[in-house]
Amino acid sequence: MRRDRALSVRQEAIMRLIRSWITEHGEGPTIRQIGASVGLSSTSSVAYQLSQLEKRGLISRTGRGWSSCQLEPPKPPRRGLRSR
């Protein structure tokens, strides 16, 4: 999935929450904490949003749970020849 495509409003809210949570607590929030903060009651909806962010390379997990998620540093834009 392309990283340069705009995030949805919900994905932006999740990214802001993860950033602030990691800064404050030293680890990522749980799925239930994310859901409560962004207005999603279904944990599967939260997991879907997190997996989309992971596919885009914006977050990663060190373990199985989402509380082990980490923010990935932005990658520089790829340079090269464009085909016409």
PDB file of N, CA and C in Angstrom:
ATOM      1  N   MET A   1       0.844  -1.173   0.000  1.00  0.00           N
ATOM      2  CA  MET A   1       0.000   0.000   0.000  1.00  0.00           C
ATOM      3  C   MET A   1       0.889   1.235   0.000  1.00  0.00           C
ATOM      4  N   ARG A   2       0.454   2.267  -0.654  1.00  0.00           N
ATOM      5  CA  ARG A   2       1.269   3.467  -0.770  1.00  0.00           C
ATOM      6  C   ARG A   2       1.204   4.317   0.482  1.00  0.00           C
ATOM      7  N   ARG A   3       2.335   4.782   0.883  1.00  0.00           N
ATOM      8  CA  ARG A   3       2.435   5.579   2.099  1.00  0.00           C
ATOM      9  C   ARG A   3       2.005   7.024   1.867  1.00  0.00           C
ATOM     10  N   ASP A   4       2.086   7.498   0.636  1.00  0.00           N
ATOM     11  CA  ASP A   4       1.823   8.904   0.368  1.00  0.00           C
ATOM     12  C   ASP A   4       0.338   9.238   0.224  1.00  0.00           C
ATOM     13  N   ARG A   5      -0.530   8.229   0.159  1.00  0.00           N
ATOM     14  CA  ARG A   5      -1.963   8.478   0.096  1.00  0.00           C
ATOM     15  C   ARG A   5      -2.432   9.049   1.428  1.00  0.00           C
ATOM     16  N   ALA A   6      -3.364   9.972   1.383  1.00  0.00           N
ATOM     17  CA  ALA A   6      -3.832  10.642   2.597  1.00  0.00           C
ATOM     18  C   ALA A   6      -4.509   9.651   3.546  1.00  0.00           C
ATOM     19  N   LEU A   7      -4.310   9.878   4.823  1.00  0.00           N
ATOM     20  CA  LEU A   7      -4.962   9.059   5.848  1.00  0.00           C
ATOM     21  C   LEU A   7      -6.392   9.530   6.040  1.00  0.00           C
ATOM     22  N   SER A   8      -7.246   8.618   6.462  1.00  0.00           N
ATOM     23  CA  SER A   8      -8.615   9.000   6.798  1.00  0.00           C
ATOM     24  C   SER A   8      -8.600   9.785   8.109  1.00  0.00           C
ATOM     25  N   VAL A   9      -9.689  10.435   8.402  1.00  0.00           N
ATOM     26  CA  VAL A   9      -9.804  11.200   9.650  1.00  0.00           C
ATOM     27  C   VAL A   9      -9.587  10.274  10.849  1.00  0.00           C
ATOM     28  N   ARG A  10     -10.191   9.085  10.796  1.00  0.00           N
ATOM     29  CA  ARG A  10     -10.053   8.128  11.889  1.00  0.00           C
ATOM     30  C   ARG A  10      -8.602   7.666  12.030  1.00  0.00           C
ATOM     31  N   GLN A  11      -7.932   7.387  10.911  1.00  0.00           N
ATOM     32  CA  GLN A  11      -6.537   6.958  10.962  1.00  0.00           C
ATOM     33  C   GLN A  11      -5.642   8.054  11.522  1.00  0.00           C
ATOM     34  N   GLU A  12      -5.927   9.304  11.164  1.00  0.00           N
ATOM     35  CA  GLU A  12      -5.175  10.436  11.726  1.00  0.00           C
ATOM     36  C   GLU A  12      -5.356  10.483  13.238  1.00  0.00           C
ATOM     37  N   ALA A  13      -6.590  10.290  13.698  1.00  0.00           N
ATOM     38  CA  ALA A  13      -6.867  10.315  15.139  1.00  0.00           C
ATOM     39  C   ALA A  13      -6.121   9.186  15.845  1.00  0.00           C
ATOM     40  N   ILE A  14      -6.087   8.017  15.232  1.00  0.00           N
ATOM     41  CA  ILE A  14      -5.377   6.879  15.818  1.00  0.00           C
ATOM     42  C   ILE A  14      -3.879   7.168  15.877  1.00  0.00           C
ATOM     43  N   MET A  15      -3.323   7.734  14.826  1.00  0.00           N
ATOM     44  CA  MET A  15      -1.893   8.056  14.821  1.00  0.00           C
ATOM     45  C   MET A  15      -1.562   9.086  15.899  1.00  0.00           C
ATOM     46  N   ARG A  16      -2.410  10.118  16.042  1.00  0.00           N
ATOM     47  CA  ARG A  16      -2.172  11.121  17.106  1.00  0.00           C
ATOM     48  C   ARG A  16      -2.207  10.472  18.476  1.00  0.00           C
ATOM     49  N   LEU A  17      -3.192   9.581  18.687  1.00  0.00           N
ATOM     50  CA  LEU A  17      -3.310   8.893  19.971  1.00  0.00           C
ATOM     51  C   LEU A  17      -2.078   8.032  20.246  1.00  0.00           C
ATOM     52  N   ILE A  18      -1.644   7.278  19.264  1.00  0.00           N
ATOM     53  CA  ILE A  18      -0.477   6.408  19.453  1.00  0.00           C
ATOM     54  C   ILE A  18       0.756   7.244  19.786  1.00  0.00           C
ATOM     55  N   ARG A  19       0.954   8.343  19.045  1.00  0.00           N
ATOM     56  CA  ARG A  19       2.105   9.218  19.320  1.00  0.00           C
ATOM     57  C   ARG A  19       2.092   9.718  20.758  1.00  0.00           C
ATOM     58  N   SER A  20       0.952  10.270  21.173  1.00  0.00           N
ATOM     59  CA  SER A  20       0.892  10.842  22.523  1.00  0.00           C
ATOM     60  C   SER A  20       0.963   9.751  23.593  1.00  0.00           C
ATOM     61  N   TRP A  21       0.350   8.610  23.336  1.00  0.00           N
ATOM     62  CA  TRP A  21       0.364   7.516  24.315  1.00  0.00           C
ATOM     63  C   TRP A  21       1.782   6.990  24.514  1.00  0.00           C
ATOM     64  N   ILE A  22       2.508   6.804  23.434  1.00  0.00           N
ATOM     65  CA  ILE A  22       3.889   6.318  23.545  1.00  0.00           C
ATOM     66  C   ILE A  22       4.745   7.335  24.284  1.00  0.00           C
ATOM     67  N   THR A  23       4.548   8.615  23.997  1.00  0.00           N
ATOM     68  CA  THR A  23       5.312   9.662  24.687  1.00  0.00           C
ATOM     69  C   THR A  23       5.021   9.651  26.188  1.00  0.00           C
ATOM     70  N   GLU A  24       3.755   9.472  26.531  1.00  0.00           N
ATOM     71  CA  GLU A  24       3.353   9.522  27.933  1.00  0.00           C
ATOM     72  C   GLU A  24       3.630   8.227  28.701  1.00  0.00           C
ATOM     73  N   HIS A  25       3.410   7.073  28.059  1.00  0.00           N
ATOM     74  CA  HIS A  25       3.474   5.791  28.762  1.00  0.00           C
ATOM     75  C   HIS A  25       4.646   4.897  28.367  1.00  0.00           C
ATOM     76  N   GLY A  26       5.331   5.235  27.292  1.00  0.00           N
ATOM     77  CA  GLY A  26       6.481   4.442  26.877  1.00  0.00           C
ATOM     78  C   GLY A  26       6.143   3.207  26.049  1.00  0.00           C
ATOM     79  N   GLU A  27       4.866   2.966  25.806  1.00  0.00           N
ATOM     80  CA  GLU A  27       4.427   1.857  24.959  1.00  0.00           C
ATOM     81  C   GLU A  27       3.108   2.243  24.320  1.00  0.00           C
ATOM     82  N   GLY A  28       2.695   1.478  23.322  1.00  0.00           N
ATOM     83  CA  GLY A  28       1.457   1.782  22.620  1.00  0.00           C
ATOM     84  C   GLY A  28       0.226   1.447  23.441  1.00  0.00           C
ATOM     85  N   PRO A  29      -0.910   2.063  23.105  1.00  0.00           N
ATOM     86  CA  PRO A  29      -2.165   1.764  23.793  1.00  0.00           C
ATOM     87  C   PRO A  29      -2.729   0.418  23.342  1.00  0.00           C
ATOM     88  N   THR A  30      -3.626  -0.129  24.127  1.00  0.00           N
ATOM     89  CA  THR A  30      -4.295  -1.371  23.745  1.00  0.00           C
ATOM     90  C   THR A  30      -5.382  -1.060  22.721  1.00  0.00           C
ATOM     91  N   ILE A  31      -5.888  -2.110  22.093  1.00  0.00           N
ATOM     92  CA  ILE A  31      -6.967  -1.930  21.119  1.00  0.00           C
ATOM     93  C   ILE A  31      -8.184  -1.294  21.779  1.00  0.00           C
ATOM     94  N   ARG A  32      -8.519  -1.727  22.976  1.00  0.00           N
ATOM     95  CA  ARG A  32      -9.687  -1.158  23.668  1.00  0.00           C
ATOM     96  C   ARG A  32      -9.470   0.317  24.009  1.00  0.00           C
ATOM     97  N   GLN A  33      -8.265   0.686  24.403  1.00  0.00           N
ATOM     98  CA  GLN A  33      -7.971   2.081  24.707  1.00  0.00           C
ATOM     99  C   GLN A  33      -8.068   2.936  23.447  1.00  0.00           C
ATOM    100  N   ILE A  34      -7.580   2.419  22.339  1.00  0.00           N
ATOM    101  CA  ILE A  34      -7.679   3.149  21.073  1.00  0.00           C
ATOM    102  C   ILE A  34      -9.145   3.320  20.700  1.00  0.00           C
ATOM    103  N   GLY A  35      -9.908   2.234  20.762  1.00  0.00           N
ATOM    104  CA  GLY A  35     -11.326   2.302  20.417  1.00  0.00           C
ATOM    105  C   GLY A  35     -12.083   3.312  21.248  1.00  0.00           C
ATOM    106  N   ALA A  36     -11.847   3.311  22.547  1.00  0.00           N
ATOM    107  CA  ALA A  36     -12.526   4.254  23.443  1.00  0.00           C
ATOM    108  C   ALA A  36     -12.161   5.699  23.110  1.00  0.00           C
ATOM    109  N   SER A  37     -10.937   5.924  22.700  1.00  0.00           N
ATOM    110  CA  SER A  37     -10.475   7.284  22.420  1.00  0.00           C
ATOM    111  C   SER A  37     -10.954   7.822  21.072  1.00  0.00           C
ATOM    112  N   VAL A  38     -11.106   6.950  20.086  1.00  0.00           N
ATOM    113  CA  VAL A  38     -11.493   7.424  18.748  1.00  0.00           C
ATOM    114  C   VAL A  38     -12.944   7.109  18.395  1.00  0.00           C
ATOM    115  N   GLY A  39     -13.694   6.537  19.330  1.00  0.00           N
ATOM    116  CA  GLY A  39     -15.110   6.310  19.103  1.00  0.00           C
ATOM    117  C   GLY A  39     -15.458   5.031  18.356  1.00  0.00           C
ATOM    118  N   LEU A  40     -14.618   4.021  18.451  1.00  0.00           N
ATOM    119  CA  LEU A  40     -14.920   2.719  17.856  1.00  0.00           C
ATOM    120  C   LEU A  40     -15.204   1.724  18.971  1.00  0.00           C
ATOM    121  N   SER A  41     -16.375   1.112  18.957  1.00  0.00           N
ATOM    122  CA  SER A  41     -16.701   0.155  20.013  1.00  0.00           C
ATOM    123  C   SER A  41     -16.270  -1.258  19.653  1.00  0.00           C
ATOM    124  N   SER A  42     -16.050  -1.514  18.370  1.00  0.00           N
ATOM    125  CA  SER A  42     -15.663  -2.839  17.917  1.00  0.00           C
ATOM    126  C   SER A  42     -14.137  -2.966  17.878  1.00  0.00           C
ATOM    127  N   THR A  43     -13.614  -3.941  18.617  1.00  0.00           N
ATOM    128  CA  THR A  43     -12.153  -4.139  18.606  1.00  0.00           C
ATOM    129  C   THR A  43     -11.680  -4.592  17.233  1.00  0.00           C
ATOM    130  N   SER A  44     -12.528  -5.284  16.481  1.00  0.00           N
ATOM    131  CA  SER A  44     -12.117  -5.706  15.141  1.00  0.00           C
ATOM    132  C   SER A  44     -11.984  -4.505  14.206  1.00  0.00           C
ATOM    133  N   SER A  45     -12.797  -3.470  14.405  1.00  0.00           N
ATOM    134  CA  SER A  45     -12.663  -2.243  13.604  1.00  0.00           C
ATOM    135  C   SER A  45     -11.348  -1.541  13.910  1.00  0.00           C
ATOM    136  N   VAL A  46     -10.978  -1.511  15.177  1.00  0.00           N
ATOM    137  CA  VAL A  46      -9.701  -0.905  15.570  1.00  0.00           C
ATOM    138  C   VAL A  46      -8.548  -1.718  14.984  1.00  0.00           C
ATOM    139  N   ALA A  47      -8.621  -3.037  15.095  1.00  0.00           N
ATOM    140  CA  ALA A  47      -7.568  -3.903  14.563  1.00  0.00           C
ATOM    141  C   ALA A  47      -7.428  -3.716  13.055  1.00  0.00           C
ATOM    142  N   TYR A  48      -8.543  -3.555  12.361  1.00  0.00           N
ATOM    143  CA  TYR A  48      -8.497  -3.309  10.915  1.00  0.00           C
ATOM    144  C   TYR A  48      -7.754  -2.010  10.619  1.00  0.00           C
ATOM    145  N   GLN A  49      -8.110  -0.938  11.328  1.00  0.00           N
ATOM    146  CA  GLN A  49      -7.441   0.350  11.101  1.00  0.00           C
ATOM    147  C   GLN A  49      -5.944   0.250  11.391  1.00  0.00           C
ATOM    148  N   LEU A  50      -5.585  -0.445  12.471  1.00  0.00           N
ATOM    149  CA  LEU A  50      -4.170  -0.613  12.813  1.00  0.00           C
ATOM    150  C   LEU A  50      -3.440  -1.432  11.749  1.00  0.00           C
ATOM    151  N   SER A  51      -4.081  -2.454  11.226  1.00  0.00           N
ATOM    152  CA  SER A  51      -3.433  -3.263  10.191  1.00  0.00           C
ATOM    153  C   SER A  51      -3.233  -2.453   8.919  1.00  0.00           C
ATOM    154  N   GLN A  52      -4.167  -1.543   8.618  1.00  0.00           N
ATOM    155  CA  GLN A  52      -3.994  -0.677   7.453  1.00  0.00           C
ATOM    156  C   GLN A  52      -2.809   0.274   7.648  1.00  0.00           C
ATOM    157  N   LEU A  53      -2.670   0.802   8.853  1.00  0.00           N
ATOM    158  CA  LEU A  53      -1.531   1.674   9.152  1.00  0.00           C
ATOM    159  C   LEU A  53      -0.218   0.890   9.101  1.00  0.00           C
ATOM    160  N   GLU A  54      -0.272  -0.361   9.542  1.00  0.00           N
ATOM    161  CA  GLU A  54       0.921  -1.208   9.495  1.00  0.00           C
ATOM    162  C   GLU A  54       1.294  -1.525   8.046  1.00  0.00           C
ATOM    163  N   LYS A  55       0.318  -1.813   7.210  1.00  0.00           N
ATOM    164  CA  LYS A  55       0.583  -2.082   5.790  1.00  0.00           C
ATOM    165  C   LYS A  55       1.200  -0.879   5.100  1.00  0.00           C
ATOM    166  N   ARG A  56       0.814   0.313   5.532  1.00  0.00           N
ATOM    167  CA  ARG A  56       1.356   1.543   4.949  1.00  0.00           C
ATOM    168  C   ARG A  56       2.756   1.866   5.473  1.00  0.00           C
ATOM    169  N   GLY A  57       3.204   1.095   6.464  1.00  0.00           N
ATOM    170  CA  GLY A  57       4.537   1.321   7.008  1.00  0.00           C
ATOM    171  C   GLY A  57       4.618   2.436   8.022  1.00  0.00           C
ATOM    172  N   LEU A  58       3.481   2.855   8.569  1.00  0.00           N
ATOM    173  CA  LEU A  58       3.476   3.946   9.538  1.00  0.00           C
ATOM    174  C   LEU A  58       3.689   3.469  10.963  1.00  0.00           C
ATOM    175  N   ILE A  59       3.293   2.235  11.237  1.00  0.00           N
ATOM    176  CA  ILE A  59       3.510   1.635  12.553  1.00  0.00           C
ATOM    177  C   ILE A  59       3.998   0.209  12.358  1.00  0.00           C
ATOM    178  N   SER A  60       4.598  -0.322  13.392  1.00  0.00           N
ATOM    179  CA  SER A  60       5.006  -1.729  13.370  1.00  0.00           C
ATOM    180  C   SER A  60       4.831  -2.285  14.769  1.00  0.00           C
ATOM    181  N   ARG A  61       4.845  -3.603  14.864  1.00  0.00           N
ATOM    182  CA  ARG A  61       4.709  -4.272  16.163  1.00  0.00           C
ATOM    183  C   ARG A  61       5.969  -5.063  16.442  1.00  0.00           C
ATOM    184  N   THR A  62       6.385  -5.073  17.703  1.00  0.00           N
ATOM    185  CA  THR A  62       7.520  -5.909  18.088  1.00  0.00           C
ATOM    186  C   THR A  62       7.038  -7.246  18.624  1.00  0.00           C
ATOM    187  N   GLY A  63       5.783  -7.305  19.031  1.00  0.00           N
ATOM    188  CA  GLY A  63       5.201  -8.540  19.547  1.00  0.00           C
ATOM    189  C   GLY A  63       3.884  -8.811  18.853  1.00  0.00           C
ATOM    190  N   ARG A  64       3.126  -9.713  19.417  1.00  0.00           N
ATOM    191  CA  ARG A  64       1.847 -10.058  18.819  1.00  0.00           C
ATOM    192  C   ARG A  64       0.769  -9.025  19.071  1.00  0.00           C
ATOM    193  N   GLY A  65       0.798  -8.407  20.248  1.00  0.00           N
ATOM    194  CA  GLY A  65      -0.241  -7.443  20.619  1.00  0.00           C
ATOM    195  C   GLY A  65       0.026  -6.060  20.059  1.00  0.00           C
ATOM    196  N   TRP A  66      -1.044  -5.280  19.947  1.00  0.00           N
ATOM    197  CA  TRP A  66      -0.892  -3.926  19.423  1.00  0.00           C
ATOM    198  C   TRP A  66      -0.276  -2.974  20.437  1.00  0.00           C
ATOM    199  N   SER A  67      -0.262  -3.327  21.718  1.00  0.00           N
ATOM    200  CA  SER A  67       0.367  -2.413  22.675  1.00  0.00           C
ATOM    201  C   SER A  67       1.878  -2.377  22.489  1.00  0.00           C
ATOM    202  N   SER A  68       2.405  -3.291  21.678  1.00  0.00           N
ATOM    203  CA  SER A  68       3.831  -3.268  21.376  1.00  0.00           C
ATOM    204  C   SER A  68       4.119  -2.502  20.092  1.00  0.00           C
ATOM    205  N   CYS A  69       3.128  -1.734  19.597  1.00  0.00           N
ATOM    206  CA  CYS A  69       3.345  -1.036  18.331  1.00  0.00           C
ATOM    207  C   CYS A  69       4.302   0.130  18.514  1.00  0.00           C
ATOM    208  N   GLN A  70       5.001   0.419  17.441  1.00  0.00           N
ATOM    209  CA  GLN A  70       5.963   1.519  17.402  1.00  0.00           C
ATOM    210  C   GLN A  70       5.693   2.341  16.165  1.00  0.00           C
ATOM    211  N   LEU A  71       5.987   3.621  16.253  1.00  0.00           N
ATOM    212  CA  LEU A  71       5.874   4.482  15.081  1.00  0.00           C
ATOM    213  C   LEU A  71       7.109   4.290  14.217  1.00  0.00           C
ATOM    214  N   GLU A  72       6.908   4.233  12.936  1.00  0.00           N
ATOM    215  CA  GLU A  72       8.020   4.099  12.007  1.00  0.00           C
ATOM    216  C   GLU A  72       8.410   5.477  11.515  1.00  0.00           C
ATOM    217  N   PRO A  73       9.718   5.756  11.425  1.00  0.00           N
ATOM    218  CA  PRO A  73      10.137   7.062  10.905  1.00  0.00           C
ATOM    219  C   PRO A  73       9.760   7.174   9.435  1.00  0.00           C
ATOM    220  N   PRO A  74       9.432   8.378   8.984  1.00  0.00           N
ATOM    221  CA  PRO A  74       9.082   8.541   7.577  1.00  0.00           C
ATOM    222  C   PRO A  74      10.255   8.185   6.677  1.00  0.00           C
ATOM    223  N   LYS A  75       9.947   7.520   5.585  1.00  0.00           N
ATOM    224  CA  LYS A  75      10.979   7.159   4.628  1.00  0.00           C
ATOM    225  C   LYS A  75      11.114   8.281   3.608  1.00  0.00           C
ATOM    226  N   PRO A  76      12.341   8.572   3.167  1.00  0.00           N
ATOM    227  CA  PRO A  76      12.498   9.632   2.163  1.00  0.00           C
ATOM    228  C   PRO A  76      11.831   9.211   0.859  1.00  0.00           C
ATOM    229  N   PRO A  77      11.373  10.187   0.080  1.00  0.00           N
ATOM    230  CA  PRO A  77      10.739   9.842  -1.182  1.00  0.00           C
ATOM    231  C   PRO A  77      11.718   9.124  -2.103  1.00  0.00           C
ATOM    232  N   ARG A  78      11.176   8.180  -2.857  1.00  0.00           N
ATOM    233  CA  ARG A  78      12.019   7.443  -3.790  1.00  0.00           C
ATOM    234  C   ARG A  78      12.361   8.323  -4.965  1.00  0.00           C
ATOM    235  N   ARG A  79      13.598   8.235  -5.400  1.00  0.00           N
ATOM    236  CA  ARG A  79      14.040   9.011  -6.548  1.00  0.00           C
ATOM    237  C   ARG A  79      14.356   8.048  -7.667  1.00  0.00           C
ATOM    238  N   GLY A  80      14.128   8.468  -8.837  1.00  0.00           N
ATOM    239  CA  GLY A  80      14.432   7.634  -9.975  1.00  0.00           C
ATOM    240  C   GLY A  80      13.743   8.141 -11.214  1.00  0.00           C
ATOM    241  N   LEU A  81      13.914   7.415 -12.259  1.00  0.00           N
ATOM    242  CA  LEU A  81      13.299   7.797 -13.515  1.00  0.00           C
ATOM    243  C   LEU A  81      11.833   7.398 -13.542  1.00  0.00           C
ATOM    244  N   ARG A  82      11.056   8.252 -14.080  1.00  0.00           N
ATOM    245  CA  ARG A  82       9.641   7.948 -14.246  1.00  0.00           C
ATOM    246  C   ARG A  82       9.404   7.469 -15.667  1.00  0.00           C
ATOM    247  N   SER A  83       8.536   6.514 -15.821  1.00  0.00           N
ATOM    248  CA  SER A  83       8.207   6.070 -17.170  1.00  0.00           C
ATOM    249  C   SER A  83       7.144   6.990 -17.735  1.00  0.00           C
ATOM    250  N   ARG A  84       7.138   7.131 -19.011  1.00  0.00           N
ATOM    251  CA  ARG A  84       6.154   8.035 -19.641  1.00  0.00           C
ATOM    252  C   ARG A  84       4.969   7.321 -20.076  1.00  0.00           C
TER     253      ARG A  84
END
